[in-house]
Amino acid sequence: MADLLVRGVDDTLVQALKKRAGAHGRSAEAEHRAILAAALLEPPRRNLAELLAAMPNVGLDADFERAGDGPEPVDVFS
């Protein structure tokens, strides 16, 4: 495993890191590792356009017409 040294970190960031680490019950160093892993190892989030493009073709628009979309209303309770 490699070591990582980060210089010139603003004091407010260091305090926020320590606060977050305490809330998670771990050291600031362990919190720093967790933040790096979450940011760099998790798959990137896809945008809405990518999600929509990935949806499979499930039929024609006519397959999804509601009852009653025709000229006469349909009585669904009889």
PDB file of N, CA and C in Angstrom:
ATOM      1  N   MET A   1       0.832  -1.186   0.000  1.00  0.00           N
ATOM      2  CA  MET A   1       0.000   0.000   0.000  1.00  0.00           C
ATOM      3  C   MET A   1       0.874   1.246   0.000  1.00  0.00           C
ATOM      4  N   ALA A   2       0.439   2.236  -0.727  1.00  0.00           N
ATOM      5  CA  ALA A   2       1.194   3.483  -0.829  1.00  0.00           C
ATOM      6  C   ALA A   2       0.730   4.478   0.223  1.00  0.00           C
ATOM      7  N   ASP A   3       1.593   5.430   0.491  1.00  0.00           N
ATOM      8  CA  ASP A   3       1.254   6.534   1.384  1.00  0.00           C
ATOM      9  C   ASP A   3       0.904   7.745   0.533  1.00  0.00           C
ATOM     10  N   LEU A   4       0.031   8.586   1.065  1.00  0.00           N
ATOM     11  CA  LEU A   4      -0.382   9.783   0.351  1.00  0.00           C
ATOM     12  C   LEU A   4      -0.274  10.960   1.297  1.00  0.00           C
ATOM     13  N   LEU A   5       0.454  11.982   0.895  1.00  0.00           N
ATOM     14  CA  LEU A   5       0.615  13.187   1.697  1.00  0.00           C
ATOM     15  C   LEU A   5      -0.038  14.341   0.948  1.00  0.00           C
ATOM     16  N   VAL A   6      -0.932  15.022   1.613  1.00  0.00           N
ATOM     17  CA  VAL A   6      -1.622  16.151   0.992  1.00  0.00           C
ATOM     18  C   VAL A   6      -1.214  17.405   1.745  1.00  0.00           C
ATOM     19  N   ARG A   7      -0.563  18.316   1.056  1.00  0.00           N
ATOM     20  CA  ARG A   7      -0.090  19.555   1.685  1.00  0.00           C
ATOM     21  C   ARG A   7      -1.036  20.702   1.357  1.00  0.00           C
ATOM     22  N   GLY A   8      -1.018  21.690   2.211  1.00  0.00           N
ATOM     23  CA  GLY A   8      -1.739  22.929   1.950  1.00  0.00           C
ATOM     24  C   GLY A   8      -3.252  22.802   2.051  1.00  0.00           C
ATOM     25  N   VAL A   9      -3.723  21.891   2.893  1.00  0.00           N
ATOM     26  CA  VAL A   9      -5.168  21.721   3.058  1.00  0.00           C
ATOM     27  C   VAL A   9      -5.666  22.796   4.024  1.00  0.00           C
ATOM     28  N   ASP A  10      -6.723  23.467   3.645  1.00  0.00           N
ATOM     29  CA  ASP A  10      -7.299  24.528   4.469  1.00  0.00           C
ATOM     30  C   ASP A  10      -7.758  23.975   5.815  1.00  0.00           C
ATOM     31  N   ASP A  11      -7.547  24.758   6.873  1.00  0.00           N
ATOM     32  CA  ASP A  11      -7.914  24.316   8.224  1.00  0.00           C
ATOM     33  C   ASP A  11      -9.398  23.984   8.358  1.00  0.00           C
ATOM     34  N   THR A  12     -10.249  24.694   7.632  1.00  0.00           N
ATOM     35  CA  THR A  12     -11.683  24.395   7.734  1.00  0.00           C
ATOM     36  C   THR A  12     -11.999  23.016   7.150  1.00  0.00           C
ATOM     37  N   LEU A  13     -11.249  22.620   6.107  1.00  0.00           N
ATOM     38  CA  LEU A  13     -11.434  21.282   5.544  1.00  0.00           C
ATOM     39  C   LEU A  13     -10.960  20.211   6.512  1.00  0.00           C
ATOM     40  N   VAL A  14      -9.850  20.465   7.165  1.00  0.00           N
ATOM     41  CA  VAL A  14      -9.322  19.503   8.135  1.00  0.00           C
ATOM     42  C   VAL A  14     -10.315  19.325   9.278  1.00  0.00           C
ATOM     43  N   GLN A  15     -10.879  20.421   9.764  1.00  0.00           N
ATOM     44  CA  GLN A  15     -11.853  20.338  10.849  1.00  0.00           C
ATOM     45  C   GLN A  15     -13.114  19.605  10.397  1.00  0.00           C
ATOM     46  N   ALA A  16     -13.555  19.867   9.173  1.00  0.00           N
ATOM     47  CA  ALA A  16     -14.734  19.186   8.644  1.00  0.00           C
ATOM     48  C   ALA A  16     -14.464  17.686   8.497  1.00  0.00           C
ATOM     49  N   LEU A  17     -13.251  17.340   8.087  1.00  0.00           N
ATOM     50  CA  LEU A  17     -12.872  15.929   7.967  1.00  0.00           C
ATOM     51  C   LEU A  17     -12.890  15.247   9.326  1.00  0.00           C
ATOM     52  N   LYS A  18     -12.340  15.915  10.328  1.00  0.00           N
ATOM     53  CA  LYS A  18     -12.320  15.343  11.681  1.00  0.00           C
ATOM     54  C   LYS A  18     -13.732  15.195  12.239  1.00  0.00           C
ATOM     55  N   LYS A  19     -14.581  16.167  11.974  1.00  0.00           N
ATOM     56  CA  LYS A  19     -15.964  16.106  12.445  1.00  0.00           C
ATOM     57  C   LYS A  19     -16.702  14.945  11.774  1.00  0.00           C
ATOM     58  N   ARG A  20     -16.527  14.817  10.483  1.00  0.00           N
ATOM     59  CA  ARG A  20     -17.171  13.729   9.738  1.00  0.00           C
ATOM     60  C   ARG A  20     -16.640  12.369  10.190  1.00  0.00           C
ATOM     61  N   ALA A  21     -15.342  12.297  10.426  1.00  0.00           N
ATOM     62  CA  ALA A  21     -14.738  11.049  10.905  1.00  0.00           C
ATOM     63  C   ALA A  21     -15.318  10.666  12.259  1.00  0.00           C
ATOM     64  N   GLY A  22     -15.461  11.628  13.143  1.00  0.00           N
ATOM     65  CA  GLY A  22     -16.042  11.354  14.456  1.00  0.00           C
ATOM     66  C   GLY A  22     -17.477  10.866  14.344  1.00  0.00           C
ATOM     67  N   ALA A  23     -18.229  11.454  13.432  1.00  0.00           N
ATOM     68  CA  ALA A  23     -19.624  11.043  13.240  1.00  0.00           C
ATOM     69  C   ALA A  23     -19.716   9.607  12.731  1.00  0.00           C
ATOM     70  N   HIS A  24     -18.690   9.162  12.007  1.00  0.00           N
ATOM     71  CA  HIS A  24     -18.665   7.802  11.484  1.00  0.00           C
ATOM     72  C   HIS A  24     -17.879   6.840  12.376  1.00  0.00           C
ATOM     73  N   GLY A  25     -17.363   7.357  13.477  1.00  0.00           N
ATOM     74  CA  GLY A  25     -16.651   6.508  14.426  1.00  0.00           C
ATOM     75  C   GLY A  25     -15.320   5.989  13.923  1.00  0.00           C
ATOM     76  N   ARG A  26     -14.603   6.797  13.171  1.00  0.00           N
ATOM     77  CA  ARG A  26     -13.294   6.376  12.683  1.00  0.00           C
ATOM     78  C   ARG A  26     -12.322   7.545  12.713  1.00  0.00           C
ATOM     79  N   SER A  27     -11.066   7.245  12.477  1.00  0.00           N
ATOM     80  CA  SER A  27     -10.032   8.280  12.489  1.00  0.00           C
ATOM     81  C   SER A  27     -10.159   9.166  11.251  1.00  0.00           C
ATOM     82  N   ALA A  28      -9.515  10.325  11.313  1.00  0.00           N
ATOM     83  CA  ALA A  28      -9.520  11.224  10.156  1.00  0.00           C
ATOM     84  C   ALA A  28      -8.837  10.550   8.962  1.00  0.00           C
ATOM     85  N   GLU A  29      -7.804   9.770   9.237  1.00  0.00           N
ATOM     86  CA  GLU A  29      -7.110   9.062   8.157  1.00  0.00           C
ATOM     87  C   GLU A  29      -8.016   8.024   7.507  1.00  0.00           C
ATOM     88  N   ALA A  30      -8.762   7.276   8.329  1.00  0.00           N
ATOM     89  CA  ALA A  30      -9.692   6.279   7.782  1.00  0.00           C
ATOM     90  C   ALA A  30     -10.818   6.960   7.013  1.00  0.00           C
ATOM     91  N   GLU A  31     -11.278   8.094   7.513  1.00  0.00           N
ATOM     92  CA  GLU A  31     -12.330   8.842   6.810  1.00  0.00           C
ATOM     93  C   GLU A  31     -11.826   9.337   5.460  1.00  0.00           C
ATOM     94  N   HIS A  32     -10.585   9.813   5.455  1.00  0.00           N
ATOM     95  CA  HIS A  32      -9.974  10.288   4.214  1.00  0.00           C
ATOM     96  C   HIS A  32      -9.910   9.149   3.192  1.00  0.00           C
ATOM     97  N   ARG A  33      -9.527   7.960   3.624  1.00  0.00           N
ATOM     98  CA  ARG A  33      -9.482   6.804   2.731  1.00  0.00           C
ATOM     99  C   ARG A  33     -10.877   6.469   2.202  1.00  0.00           C
ATOM    100  N   ALA A  34     -11.869   6.531   3.092  1.00  0.00           N
ATOM    101  CA  ALA A  34     -13.240   6.218   2.679  1.00  0.00           C
ATOM    102  C   ALA A  34     -13.753   7.228   1.651  1.00  0.00           C
ATOM    103  N   ILE A  35     -13.453   8.487   1.852  1.00  0.00           N
ATOM    104  CA  ILE A  35     -13.881   9.529   0.913  1.00  0.00           C
ATOM    105  C   ILE A  35     -13.220   9.312  -0.452  1.00  0.00           C
ATOM    106  N   LEU A  36     -11.921   9.019  -0.442  1.00  0.00           N
ATOM    107  CA  LEU A  36     -11.222   8.781  -1.708  1.00  0.00           C
ATOM    108  C   LEU A  36     -11.781   7.556  -2.425  1.00  0.00           C
ATOM    109  N   ALA A  37     -12.028   6.489  -1.683  1.00  0.00           N
ATOM    110  CA  ALA A  37     -12.566   5.271  -2.294  1.00  0.00           C
ATOM    111  C   ALA A  37     -13.946   5.524  -2.884  1.00  0.00           C
ATOM    112  N   ALA A  38     -14.802   6.238  -2.143  1.00  0.00           N
ATOM    113  CA  ALA A  38     -16.153   6.518  -2.643  1.00  0.00           C
ATOM    114  C   ALA A  38     -16.112   7.384  -3.900  1.00  0.00           C
ATOM    115  N   ALA A  39     -15.197   8.337  -3.922  1.00  0.00           N
ATOM    116  CA  ALA A  39     -15.122   9.250  -5.071  1.00  0.00           C
ATOM    117  C   ALA A  39     -14.494   8.598  -6.299  1.00  0.00           C
ATOM    118  N   LEU A  40     -13.564   7.674  -6.072  1.00  0.00           N
ATOM    119  CA  LEU A  40     -12.789   7.166  -7.202  1.00  0.00           C
ATOM    120  C   LEU A  40     -13.111   5.742  -7.628  1.00  0.00           C
ATOM    121  N   LEU A  41     -13.695   4.943  -6.749  1.00  0.00           N
ATOM    122  CA  LEU A  41     -13.906   3.539  -7.068  1.00  0.00           C
ATOM    123  C   LEU A  41     -15.343   3.178  -7.392  1.00  0.00           C
ATOM    124  N   GLU A  42     -16.303   3.956  -6.933  1.00  0.00           N
ATOM    125  CA  GLU A  42     -17.698   3.657  -7.235  1.00  0.00           C
ATOM    126  C   GLU A  42     -17.972   4.008  -8.687  1.00  0.00           C
ATOM    127  N   PRO A  43     -18.852   3.241  -9.322  1.00  0.00           N
ATOM    128  CA  PRO A  43     -19.155   3.563 -10.725  1.00  0.00           C
ATOM    129  C   PRO A  43     -19.761   4.963 -10.830  1.00  0.00           C
ATOM    130  N   PRO A  44     -19.420   5.671 -11.878  1.00  0.00           N
ATOM    131  CA  PRO A  44     -19.964   7.022 -12.041  1.00  0.00           C
ATOM    132  C   PRO A  44     -21.470   6.991 -12.256  1.00  0.00           C
ATOM    133  N   ARG A  45     -22.140   8.013 -11.781  1.00  0.00           N
ATOM    134  CA  ARG A  45     -23.590   8.111 -11.973  1.00  0.00           C
ATOM    135  C   ARG A  45     -23.864   8.483 -13.417  1.00  0.00           C
ATOM    136  N   ARG A  46     -24.891   7.867 -13.987  1.00  0.00           N
ATOM    137  CA  ARG A  46     -25.265   8.181 -15.360  1.00  0.00           C
ATOM    138  C   ARG A  46     -26.317   9.287 -15.354  1.00  0.00           C
ATOM    139  N   ASN A  47     -26.300  10.097 -16.386  1.00  0.00           N
ATOM    140  CA  ASN A  47     -27.296  11.160 -16.469  1.00  0.00           C
ATOM    141  C   ASN A  47     -28.603  10.598 -17.016  1.00  0.00           C
ATOM    142  N   LEU A  48     -29.649  11.391 -16.961  1.00  0.00           N
ATOM    143  CA  LEU A  48     -30.979  10.952 -17.371  1.00  0.00           C
ATOM    144  C   LEU A  48     -31.013  10.491 -18.825  1.00  0.00           C
ATOM    145  N   ALA A  49     -30.325  11.190 -19.695  1.00  0.00           N
ATOM    146  CA  ALA A  49     -30.321  10.811 -21.113  1.00  0.00           C
ATOM    147  C   ALA A  49     -29.727   9.416 -21.296  1.00  0.00           C
ATOM    148  N   GLU A  50     -28.657   9.103 -20.561  1.00  0.00           N
ATOM    149  CA  GLU A  50     -28.043   7.777 -20.658  1.00  0.00           C
ATOM    150  C   GLU A  50     -28.975   6.699 -20.118  1.00  0.00           C
ATOM    151  N   LEU A  51     -29.656   6.999 -19.018  1.00  0.00           N
ATOM    152  CA  LEU A  51     -30.595   6.035 -18.442  1.00  0.00           C
ATOM    153  C   LEU A  51     -31.758   5.758 -19.394  1.00  0.00           C
ATOM    154  N   LEU A  52     -32.302   6.806 -19.993  1.00  0.00           N
ATOM    155  CA  LEU A  52     -33.409   6.632 -20.925  1.00  0.00           C
ATOM    156  C   LEU A  52     -32.968   5.860 -22.173  1.00  0.00           C
ATOM    157  N   ALA A  53     -31.770   6.138 -22.659  1.00  0.00           N
ATOM    158  CA  ALA A  53     -31.270   5.443 -23.846  1.00  0.00           C
ATOM    159  C   ALA A  53     -31.033   3.961 -23.561  1.00  0.00           C
ATOM    160  N   ALA A  54     -30.771   3.623 -22.309  1.00  0.00           N
ATOM    161  CA  ALA A  54     -30.493   2.233 -21.944  1.00  0.00           C
ATOM    162  C   ALA A  54     -31.767   1.413 -21.715  1.00  0.00           C
ATOM    163  N   MET A  55     -32.918   2.067 -21.681  1.00  0.00           N
ATOM    164  CA  MET A  55     -34.168   1.342 -21.450  1.00  0.00           C
ATOM    165  C   MET A  55     -34.510   0.498 -22.669  1.00  0.00           C
ATOM    166  N   PRO A  56     -34.936  -0.741 -22.442  1.00  0.00           N
ATOM    167  CA  PRO A  56     -35.269  -1.598 -23.583  1.00  0.00           C
ATOM    168  C   PRO A  56     -36.574  -1.170 -24.247  1.00  0.00           C
ATOM    169  N   ASN A  57     -36.722  -1.524 -25.514  1.00  0.00           N
ATOM    170  CA  ASN A  57     -37.954  -1.268 -26.242  1.00  0.00           C
ATOM    171  C   ASN A  57     -38.975  -2.300 -25.773  1.00  0.00           C
ATOM    172  N   VAL A  58     -40.077  -1.851 -25.194  1.00  0.00           N
ATOM    173  CA  VAL A  58     -41.050  -2.780 -24.618  1.00  0.00           C
ATOM    174  C   VAL A  58     -42.360  -2.837 -25.388  1.00  0.00           C
ATOM    175  N   GLY A  59     -42.456  -2.202 -26.495  1.00  0.00           N
ATOM    176  CA  GLY A  59     -43.683  -2.285 -27.279  1.00  0.00           C
ATOM    177  C   GLY A  59     -44.010  -0.983 -27.982  1.00  0.00           C
ATOM    178  N   LEU A  60     -45.175  -0.980 -28.560  1.00  0.00           N
ATOM    179  CA  LEU A  60     -45.657   0.192 -29.288  1.00  0.00           C
ATOM    180  C   LEU A  60     -46.399   1.121 -28.341  1.00  0.00           C
ATOM    181  N   ASP A  61     -46.506   2.369 -28.723  1.00  0.00           N
ATOM    182  CA  ASP A  61     -47.253   3.324 -27.903  1.00  0.00           C
ATOM    183  C   ASP A  61     -48.697   2.868 -27.719  1.00  0.00           C
ATOM    184  N   ALA A  62     -49.257   2.237 -28.738  1.00  0.00           N
ATOM    185  CA  ALA A  62     -50.644   1.776 -28.661  1.00  0.00           C
ATOM    186  C   ALA A  62     -50.830   0.727 -27.565  1.00  0.00           C
ATOM    187  N   ASP A  63     -49.772   0.006 -27.228  1.00  0.00           N
ATOM    188  CA  ASP A  63     -49.854  -0.993 -26.164  1.00  0.00           C
ATOM    189  C   ASP A  63     -50.134  -0.360 -24.803  1.00  0.00           C
ATOM    190  N   PHE A  64     -49.895   0.930 -24.688  1.00  0.00           N
ATOM    191  CA  PHE A  64     -50.018   1.599 -23.401  1.00  0.00           C
ATOM    192  C   PHE A  64     -51.177   2.587 -23.345  1.00  0.00           C
ATOM    193  N   GLU A  65     -52.069   2.527 -24.317  1.00  0.00           N
ATOM    194  CA  GLU A  65     -53.227   3.413 -24.291  1.00  0.00           C
ATOM    195  C   GLU A  65     -54.151   2.989 -23.161  1.00  0.00           C
ATOM    196  N   ARG A  66     -54.729   3.974 -22.504  1.00  0.00           N
ATOM    197  CA  ARG A  66     -55.648   3.696 -21.401  1.00  0.00           C
ATOM    198  C   ARG A  66     -57.021   3.355 -21.942  1.00  0.00           C
ATOM    199  N   ALA A  67     -57.725   2.512 -21.199  1.00  0.00           N
ATOM    200  CA  ALA A  67     -59.120   2.225 -21.544  1.00  0.00           C
ATOM    201  C   ALA A  67     -59.887   3.539 -21.421  1.00  0.00           C
ATOM    202  N   GLY A  68     -60.698   3.813 -22.372  1.00  0.00           N
ATOM    203  CA  GLY A  68     -61.455   5.058 -22.334  1.00  0.00           C
ATOM    204  C   GLY A  68     -60.834   6.150 -23.173  1.00  0.00           C
ATOM    205  N   ASP A  69     -59.694   5.866 -23.815  1.00  0.00           N
ATOM    206  CA  ASP A  69     -59.084   6.863 -24.682  1.00  0.00           C
ATOM    207  C   ASP A  69     -59.804   6.937 -26.033  1.00  0.00           C
ATOM    208  N   GLY A  70     -60.747   5.989 -26.248  1.00  0.00           N
ATOM    209  CA  GLY A  70     -61.485   5.957 -27.510  1.00  0.00           C
ATOM    210  C   GLY A  70     -62.635   6.945 -27.471  1.00  0.00           C
ATOM    211  N   PRO A  71     -63.526   6.840 -28.465  1.00  0.00           N
ATOM    212  CA  PRO A  71     -64.646   7.808 -28.567  1.00  0.00           C
ATOM    213  C   PRO A  71     -65.662   7.617 -27.444  1.00  0.00           C
ATOM    214  N   GLU A  72     -65.848   6.389 -26.947  1.00  0.00           N
ATOM    215  CA  GLU A  72     -66.822   6.170 -25.883  1.00  0.00           C
ATOM    216  C   GLU A  72     -66.115   5.807 -24.585  1.00  0.00           C
ATOM    217  N   PRO A  73     -66.584   6.358 -23.463  1.00  0.00           N
ATOM    218  CA  PRO A  73     -65.975   5.977 -22.177  1.00  0.00           C
ATOM    219  C   PRO A  73     -66.252   4.526 -21.847  1.00  0.00           C
ATOM    220  N   VAL A  74     -65.331   3.897 -21.210  1.00  0.00           N
ATOM    221  CA  VAL A  74     -65.489   2.484 -20.840  1.00  0.00           C
ATOM    222  C   VAL A  74     -65.873   2.406 -19.371  1.00  0.00           C
ATOM    223  N   ASP A  75     -66.900   1.618 -19.081  1.00  0.00           N
ATOM    224  CA  ASP A  75     -67.323   1.406 -17.696  1.00  0.00           C
ATOM    225  C   ASP A  75     -66.515   0.253 -17.125  1.00  0.00           C
ATOM    226  N   VAL A  76     -65.573   0.547 -16.281  1.00  0.00           N
ATOM    227  CA  VAL A  76     -64.685  -0.474 -15.744  1.00  0.00           C
ATOM    228  C   VAL A  76     -65.276  -1.175 -14.519  1.00  0.00           C
ATOM    229  N   PHE A  77     -66.452  -0.713 -14.031  1.00  0.00           N
ATOM    230  CA  PHE A  77     -67.054  -1.293 -12.827  1.00  0.00           C
ATOM    231  C   PHE A  77     -68.197  -2.237 -13.127  1.00  0.00           C
ATOM    232  N   SER A  78     -68.471  -2.539 -14.377  1.00  0.00           N
ATOM    233  CA  SER A  78     -69.582  -3.444 -14.661  1.00  0.00           C
ATOM    234  C   SER A  78     -69.096  -4.833 -14.952  1.00  0.00           C
TER     235      SER A  78
END
